[in-house]
């Protein structure tokens, strides 16, 4: 019996089909992630202008963007180690722990602008805050908050609220949208009903 001669065409066709499938599959990762990625500039657009600032972290001076707090209520406080209001660190930390899970962040900016009550280094300030008051809320390096050399953040906060810091532990409460700013004087303790009421009001808005 004569055996049929194997055709060389079928394997060639199969190889071509496999090659076509392989090329199509290899192209998928190049296309799909591009569709999943956000449009250029979307991150910047999500961060309000008021938070588009970078500051060195107090503990290690590594740069941090305030944009990481976009969408939260932000309580900004200029602090000092040797001040009659220094005990407010405890109240600020308690406020942070109480409302952190609901969307509040407290951020501190040591400043030597008033009475030269913050003369130490960033490391000395960090050690004091942690060892004396157990501060866990974010703290940033020493910052000028008033006068012609004031950091742009504090210039903007003063413009939005109509008030500049008059002393250490002045407080600014920024709403979730990064637009509205409320100002509270140094003598007003962090747990003052007026401050708590405004925080509750902001956090109730999703």
C-alpha atoms as a PDB file:
ATOM      1  CA  UNK A   1       0.000   0.000   0.000  1.00  0.00           C
ATOM      2  CA  UNK A   2       1.337   3.374  -0.926  1.00  0.00           C
ATOM      3  CA  UNK A   3       1.569   5.751   2.062  1.00  0.00           C
ATOM      4  CA  UNK A   4       0.510   9.361   1.420  1.00  0.00           C
ATOM      5  CA  UNK A   5       3.340  11.835   1.354  1.00  0.00           C
ATOM      6  CA  UNK A   6       3.089  14.219   4.390  1.00  0.00           C
ATOM      7  CA  UNK A   7       2.205  17.751   3.352  1.00  0.00           C
ATOM      8  CA  UNK A   8       4.640  20.481   4.375  1.00  0.00           C
ATOM      9  CA  UNK A   9       1.971  23.133   3.903  1.00  0.00           C
ATOM     10  CA  UNK A  10      -0.087  22.394   7.064  1.00  0.00           C
ATOM     11  CA  UNK A  11       2.800  22.869   9.561  1.00  0.00           C
ATOM     12  CA  UNK A  12       3.760  26.069   7.770  1.00  0.00           C
ATOM     13  CA  UNK A  13       0.205  27.430   8.081  1.00  0.00           C
ATOM     14  CA  UNK A  14       0.082  26.525  11.775  1.00  0.00           C
ATOM     15  CA  UNK A  15       3.400  28.246  12.396  1.00  0.00           C
ATOM     16  CA  UNK A  16       2.128  31.382  10.704  1.00  0.00           C
ATOM     17  CA  UNK A  17      -1.035  31.360  12.848  1.00  0.00           C
ATOM     18  CA  UNK A  18       0.966  30.865  16.041  1.00  0.00           C
ATOM     19  CA  UNK A  19       3.306  33.700  15.077  1.00  0.00           C
ATOM     20  CA  UNK A  20       0.342  36.010  14.429  1.00  0.00           C
ATOM     21  CA  UNK A  21      -1.220  35.174  17.820  1.00  0.00           C
ATOM     22  CA  UNK A  22       2.102  35.659  19.619  1.00  0.00           C
ATOM     23  CA  UNK A  23       2.624  39.067  18.059  1.00  0.00           C
ATOM     24  CA  UNK A  24      -0.891  40.167  18.936  1.00  0.00           C
ATOM     25  CA  UNK A  25      -0.521  38.953  22.527  1.00  0.00           C
ATOM     26  CA  UNK A  26       2.844  40.648  22.947  1.00  0.00           C
ATOM     27  CA  UNK A  27       1.320  43.923  21.824  1.00  0.00           C
ATOM     28  CA  UNK A  28      -1.406  43.873  24.495  1.00  0.00           C
ATOM     29  CA  UNK A  29       0.698  45.003  27.485  1.00  0.00           C
ATOM     30  CA  UNK A  30       1.915  47.970  25.469  1.00  0.00           C
ATOM     31  CA  UNK A  31      -1.624  49.110  24.825  1.00  0.00           C
ATOM     32  CA  UNK A  32      -3.710  48.235  27.870  1.00  0.00           C
ATOM     33  CA  UNK A  33      -1.690  50.035  30.570  1.00  0.00           C
ATOM     34  CA  UNK A  34      -1.684  53.195  28.480  1.00  0.00           C
ATOM     35  CA  UNK A  35      -5.477  53.138  28.584  1.00  0.00           C
ATOM     36  CA  UNK A  36      -5.519  52.534  32.330  1.00  0.00           C
ATOM     37  CA  UNK A  37      -3.112  55.340  33.203  1.00  0.00           C
ATOM     38  CA  UNK A  38      -4.564  58.740  34.192  1.00  0.00           C
ATOM     39  CA  UNK A  39      -4.263  61.558  31.740  1.00  0.00           C
ATOM     40  CA  UNK A  40      -1.188  63.733  32.031  1.00  0.00           C
ATOM     41  CA  UNK A  41      -1.611  66.443  34.645  1.00  0.00           C
ATOM     42  CA  UNK A  42      -4.560  64.791  36.387  1.00  0.00           C
ATOM     43  CA  UNK A  43      -2.629  64.448  39.672  1.00  0.00           C
ATOM     44  CA  UNK A  44      -1.709  68.123  39.664  1.00  0.00           C
ATOM     45  CA  UNK A  45      -5.325  69.048  38.886  1.00  0.00           C
ATOM     46  CA  UNK A  46      -6.541  66.976  41.851  1.00  0.00           C
ATOM     47  CA  UNK A  47      -4.270  68.912  44.213  1.00  0.00           C
ATOM     48  CA  UNK A  48      -5.547  72.411  45.064  1.00  0.00           C
ATOM     49  CA  UNK A  49      -3.121  75.302  44.577  1.00  0.00           C
ATOM     50  CA  UNK A  50      -2.985  75.901  48.324  1.00  0.00           C
ATOM     51  CA  UNK A  51      -1.363  72.495  48.848  1.00  0.00           C
ATOM     52  CA  UNK A  52       1.045  72.593  45.920  1.00  0.00           C
ATOM     53  CA  UNK A  53       4.085  73.140  48.126  1.00  0.00           C
ATOM     54  CA  UNK A  54       7.024  70.995  49.219  1.00  0.00           C
ATOM     55  CA  UNK A  55       8.591  71.063  52.675  1.00  0.00           C
ATOM     56  CA  UNK A  56      11.425  69.097  54.281  1.00  0.00           C
ATOM     57  CA  UNK A  57      10.125  66.689  56.919  1.00  0.00           C
ATOM     58  CA  UNK A  58      11.219  67.729  60.406  1.00  0.00           C
ATOM     59  CA  UNK A  59      12.726  64.391  61.454  1.00  0.00           C
ATOM     60  CA  UNK A  60      14.982  63.723  58.460  1.00  0.00           C
ATOM     61  CA  UNK A  61      14.541  66.744  56.154  1.00  0.00           C
ATOM     62  CA  UNK A  62      13.323  64.561  53.289  1.00  0.00           C
ATOM     63  CA  UNK A  63      11.118  66.614  50.912  1.00  0.00           C
ATOM     64  CA  UNK A  64       7.395  66.061  51.235  1.00  0.00           C
ATOM     65  CA  UNK A  65       4.548  67.348  49.066  1.00  0.00           C
ATOM     66  CA  UNK A  66       1.473  68.727  50.785  1.00  0.00           C
ATOM     67  CA  UNK A  67      -0.519  67.325  47.856  1.00  0.00           C
ATOM     68  CA  UNK A  68      -0.579  64.046  49.783  1.00  0.00           C
ATOM     69  CA  UNK A  69      -3.221  65.708  51.985  1.00  0.00           C
ATOM     70  CA  UNK A  70      -5.535  66.683  49.121  1.00  0.00           C
ATOM     71  CA  UNK A  71      -9.142  65.806  49.939  1.00  0.00           C
ATOM     72  CA  UNK A  72      -8.607  66.020  53.696  1.00  0.00           C
ATOM     73  CA  UNK A  73      -9.323  68.726  56.227  1.00  0.00           C
ATOM     74  CA  UNK A  74      -5.939  70.238  57.098  1.00  0.00           C
ATOM     75  CA  UNK A  75      -5.149  72.107  60.314  1.00  0.00           C
ATOM     76  CA  UNK A  76      -1.972  74.160  59.807  1.00  0.00           C
ATOM     77  CA  UNK A  77      -0.199  75.390  62.940  1.00  0.00           C
ATOM     78  CA  UNK A  78       3.012  77.397  63.410  1.00  0.00           C
ATOM     79  CA  UNK A  79       4.665  76.052  66.554  1.00  0.00           C
ATOM     80  CA  UNK A  80       7.480  76.863  68.986  1.00  0.00           C
ATOM     81  CA  UNK A  81       9.255  75.012  71.779  1.00  0.00           C
ATOM     82  CA  UNK A  82       9.650  77.849  74.289  1.00  0.00           C
ATOM     83  CA  UNK A  83       6.235  79.454  74.256  1.00  0.00           C
ATOM     84  CA  UNK A  84       3.411  79.884  76.728  1.00  0.00           C
ATOM     85  CA  UNK A  85       1.231  77.966  74.279  1.00  0.00           C
ATOM     86  CA  UNK A  86       3.651  75.062  73.793  1.00  0.00           C
ATOM     87  CA  UNK A  87       1.376  72.852  75.891  1.00  0.00           C
ATOM     88  CA  UNK A  88      -1.066  72.978  72.955  1.00  0.00           C
ATOM     89  CA  UNK A  89       1.032  70.254  71.325  1.00  0.00           C
ATOM     90  CA  UNK A  90      -0.874  67.794  73.520  1.00  0.00           C
ATOM     91  CA  UNK A  91      -4.216  69.152  72.382  1.00  0.00           C
ATOM     92  CA  UNK A  92      -3.188  69.121  68.736  1.00  0.00           C
ATOM     93  CA  UNK A  93      -2.078  65.497  68.994  1.00  0.00           C
ATOM     94  CA  UNK A  94      -5.344  64.564  70.718  1.00  0.00           C
ATOM     95  CA  UNK A  95      -7.308  66.317  67.968  1.00  0.00           C
ATOM     96  CA  UNK A  96      -5.298  64.483  65.306  1.00  0.00           C
ATOM     97  CA  UNK A  97      -5.918  61.094  66.888  1.00  0.00           C
ATOM     98  CA  UNK A  98      -9.593  61.822  67.403  1.00  0.00           C
ATOM     99  CA  UNK A  99     -10.323  62.810  63.799  1.00  0.00           C
ATOM    100  CA  UNK A 100      -7.546  61.226  61.735  1.00  0.00           C
ATOM    101  CA  UNK A 101      -9.681  58.282  60.598  1.00  0.00           C
ATOM    102  CA  UNK A 102     -12.410  60.670  59.452  1.00  0.00           C
ATOM    103  CA  UNK A 103     -10.079  62.739  57.299  1.00  0.00           C
ATOM    104  CA  UNK A 104      -8.332  65.369  59.434  1.00  0.00           C
ATOM    105  CA  UNK A 105      -4.598  65.917  59.361  1.00  0.00           C
ATOM    106  CA  UNK A 106      -2.731  68.331  61.630  1.00  0.00           C
ATOM    107  CA  UNK A 107       0.545  69.687  60.228  1.00  0.00           C
ATOM    108  CA  UNK A 108       3.034  71.686  62.280  1.00  0.00           C
ATOM    109  CA  UNK A 109       5.584  74.261  61.156  1.00  0.00           C
ATOM    110  CA  UNK A 110       8.107  75.296  63.825  1.00  0.00           C
ATOM    111  CA  UNK A 111       8.916  78.987  63.498  1.00  0.00           C
ATOM    112  CA  UNK A 112      11.355  81.326  65.203  1.00  0.00           C
ATOM    113  CA  UNK A 113       9.445  84.419  64.091  1.00  0.00           C
ATOM    114  CA  UNK A 114       7.881  85.311  67.440  1.00  0.00           C
ATOM    115  CA  UNK A 115      10.041  86.040  70.464  1.00  0.00           C
ATOM    116  CA  UNK A 116      12.791  83.802  69.082  1.00  0.00           C
ATOM    117  CA  UNK A 117      11.078  80.936  70.875  1.00  0.00           C
ATOM    118  CA  UNK A 118      12.217  78.262  68.406  1.00  0.00           C
ATOM    119  CA  UNK A 119      16.022  78.626  68.239  1.00  0.00           C
ATOM    120  CA  UNK A 120      16.923  74.921  68.038  1.00  0.00           C
ATOM    121  CA  UNK A 121      17.771  72.677  65.111  1.00  0.00           C
ATOM    122  CA  UNK A 122      15.175  70.596  63.303  1.00  0.00           C
ATOM    123  CA  UNK A 123      16.430  67.457  65.034  1.00  0.00           C
ATOM    124  CA  UNK A 124      16.260  69.091  68.464  1.00  0.00           C
ATOM    125  CA  UNK A 125      12.692  70.207  67.781  1.00  0.00           C
ATOM    126  CA  UNK A 126      11.704  66.732  66.553  1.00  0.00           C
ATOM    127  CA  UNK A 127      13.142  65.099  69.674  1.00  0.00           C
ATOM    128  CA  UNK A 128      11.340  67.588  71.923  1.00  0.00           C
ATOM    129  CA  UNK A 129       7.976  67.070  70.218  1.00  0.00           C
ATOM    130  CA  UNK A 130       8.180  63.293  70.373  1.00  0.00           C
ATOM    131  CA  UNK A 131       9.733  62.901  73.813  1.00  0.00           C
ATOM    132  CA  UNK A 132       7.685  65.576  75.589  1.00  0.00           C
ATOM    133  CA  UNK A 133       4.282  65.368  73.917  1.00  0.00           C
ATOM    134  CA  UNK A 134       4.355  62.141  71.884  1.00  0.00           C
ATOM    135  CA  UNK A 135       3.628  64.080  68.704  1.00  0.00           C
ATOM    136  CA  UNK A 136       2.773  61.821  65.769  1.00  0.00           C
ATOM    137  CA  UNK A 137       1.084  64.302  63.447  1.00  0.00           C
ATOM    138  CA  UNK A 138       3.279  65.479  60.533  1.00  0.00           C
ATOM    139  CA  UNK A 139       5.851  68.147  61.366  1.00  0.00           C
ATOM    140  CA  UNK A 140       8.000  70.062  58.900  1.00  0.00           C
ATOM    141  CA  UNK A 141      11.253  71.993  59.140  1.00  0.00           C
ATOM    142  CA  UNK A 142      11.515  75.505  60.567  1.00  0.00           C
ATOM    143  CA  UNK A 143       9.580  77.945  58.434  1.00  0.00           C
ATOM    144  CA  UNK A 144       9.186  81.715  58.167  1.00  0.00           C
ATOM    145  CA  UNK A 145       5.466  82.437  58.533  1.00  0.00           C
ATOM    146  CA  UNK A 146       5.240  86.258  58.624  1.00  0.00           C
ATOM    147  CA  UNK A 147       6.893  89.236  57.000  1.00  0.00           C
ATOM    148  CA  UNK A 148       8.361  89.667  53.520  1.00  0.00           C
ATOM    149  CA  UNK A 149      10.193  86.334  53.778  1.00  0.00           C
ATOM    150  CA  UNK A 150       7.114  84.335  54.714  1.00  0.00           C
ATOM    151  CA  UNK A 151       6.734  81.055  52.893  1.00  0.00           C
ATOM    152  CA  UNK A 152       4.189  81.253  50.025  1.00  0.00           C
ATOM    153  CA  UNK A 153       1.918  78.794  51.857  1.00  0.00           C
ATOM    154  CA  UNK A 154       1.523  81.190  54.773  1.00  0.00           C
ATOM    155  CA  UNK A 155       1.145  84.135  52.444  1.00  0.00           C
ATOM    156  CA  UNK A 156      -1.720  82.310  50.731  1.00  0.00           C
ATOM    157  CA  UNK A 157      -3.293  81.302  54.044  1.00  0.00           C
ATOM    158  CA  UNK A 158      -3.211  84.930  55.190  1.00  0.00           C
ATOM    159  CA  UNK A 159      -4.785  86.084  51.930  1.00  0.00           C
ATOM    160  CA  UNK A 160      -7.531  83.448  52.030  1.00  0.00           C
ATOM    161  CA  UNK A 161      -8.427  84.004  55.686  1.00  0.00           C
ATOM    162  CA  UNK A 162      -7.649  87.707  56.017  1.00  0.00           C
ATOM    163  CA  UNK A 163      -5.449  87.057  59.064  1.00  0.00           C
ATOM    164  CA  UNK A 164      -1.707  86.603  59.552  1.00  0.00           C
ATOM    165  CA  UNK A 165      -0.250  84.710  62.508  1.00  0.00           C
ATOM    166  CA  UNK A 166       0.094  87.069  65.459  1.00  0.00           C
ATOM    167  CA  UNK A 167       2.102  84.628  67.569  1.00  0.00           C
ATOM    168  CA  UNK A 168       3.075  80.982  67.869  1.00  0.00           C
ATOM    169  CA  UNK A 169       0.326  78.358  67.559  1.00  0.00           C
ATOM    170  CA  UNK A 170      -1.888  80.325  65.205  1.00  0.00           C
ATOM    171  CA  UNK A 171      -4.200  77.875  63.446  1.00  0.00           C
ATOM    172  CA  UNK A 172      -5.587  77.670  59.912  1.00  0.00           C
ATOM    173  CA  UNK A 173      -8.221  75.097  59.016  1.00  0.00           C
ATOM    174  CA  UNK A 174      -8.337  74.259  55.299  1.00  0.00           C
ATOM    175  CA  UNK A 175     -11.509  72.622  53.971  1.00  0.00           C
ATOM    176  CA  UNK A 176     -11.427  69.392  51.963  1.00  0.00           C
ATOM    177  CA  UNK A 177     -11.673  71.278  48.675  1.00  0.00           C
ATOM    178  CA  UNK A 178      -8.534  73.278  49.499  1.00  0.00           C
ATOM    179  CA  UNK A 179     -10.387  76.555  48.936  1.00  0.00           C
ATOM    180  CA  UNK A 180     -12.025  77.690  52.171  1.00  0.00           C
ATOM    181  CA  UNK A 181      -9.731  78.664  55.072  1.00  0.00           C
ATOM    182  CA  UNK A 182     -10.730  79.469  58.661  1.00  0.00           C
ATOM    183  CA  UNK A 183      -8.322  81.233  61.026  1.00  0.00           C
ATOM    184  CA  UNK A 184      -8.060  80.757  64.799  1.00  0.00           C
ATOM    185  CA  UNK A 185      -5.832  82.772  67.177  1.00  0.00           C
ATOM    186  CA  UNK A 186      -2.999  81.359  69.254  1.00  0.00           C
ATOM    187  CA  UNK A 187      -4.873  81.631  72.547  1.00  0.00           C
ATOM    188  CA  UNK A 188      -7.688  79.408  71.257  1.00  0.00           C
ATOM    189  CA  UNK A 189      -6.927  75.854  72.411  1.00  0.00           C
ATOM    190  CA  UNK A 190      -7.156  73.018  69.867  1.00  0.00           C
ATOM    191  CA  UNK A 191     -10.208  71.564  71.627  1.00  0.00           C
ATOM    192  CA  UNK A 192     -12.056  74.876  71.711  1.00  0.00           C
ATOM    193  CA  UNK A 193     -15.703  74.355  70.688  1.00  0.00           C
ATOM    194  CA  UNK A 194     -15.365  76.795  67.772  1.00  0.00           C
ATOM    195  CA  UNK A 195     -12.505  74.759  66.267  1.00  0.00           C
ATOM    196  CA  UNK A 196     -14.150  71.401  66.917  1.00  0.00           C
ATOM    197  CA  UNK A 197     -17.406  72.661  65.416  1.00  0.00           C
ATOM    198  CA  UNK A 198     -15.676  73.745  62.193  1.00  0.00           C
ATOM    199  CA  UNK A 199     -13.806  70.425  61.950  1.00  0.00           C
ATOM    200  CA  UNK A 200     -17.024  68.466  62.407  1.00  0.00           C
ATOM    201  CA  UNK A 201     -18.716  70.624  59.788  1.00  0.00           C
ATOM    202  CA  UNK A 202     -15.957  70.017  57.223  1.00  0.00           C
ATOM    203  CA  UNK A 203     -15.698  66.285  57.902  1.00  0.00           C
ATOM    204  CA  UNK A 204     -19.444  65.831  57.530  1.00  0.00           C
ATOM    205  CA  UNK A 205     -19.110  66.821  53.859  1.00  0.00           C
ATOM    206  CA  UNK A 206     -17.932  63.868  51.779  1.00  0.00           C
END
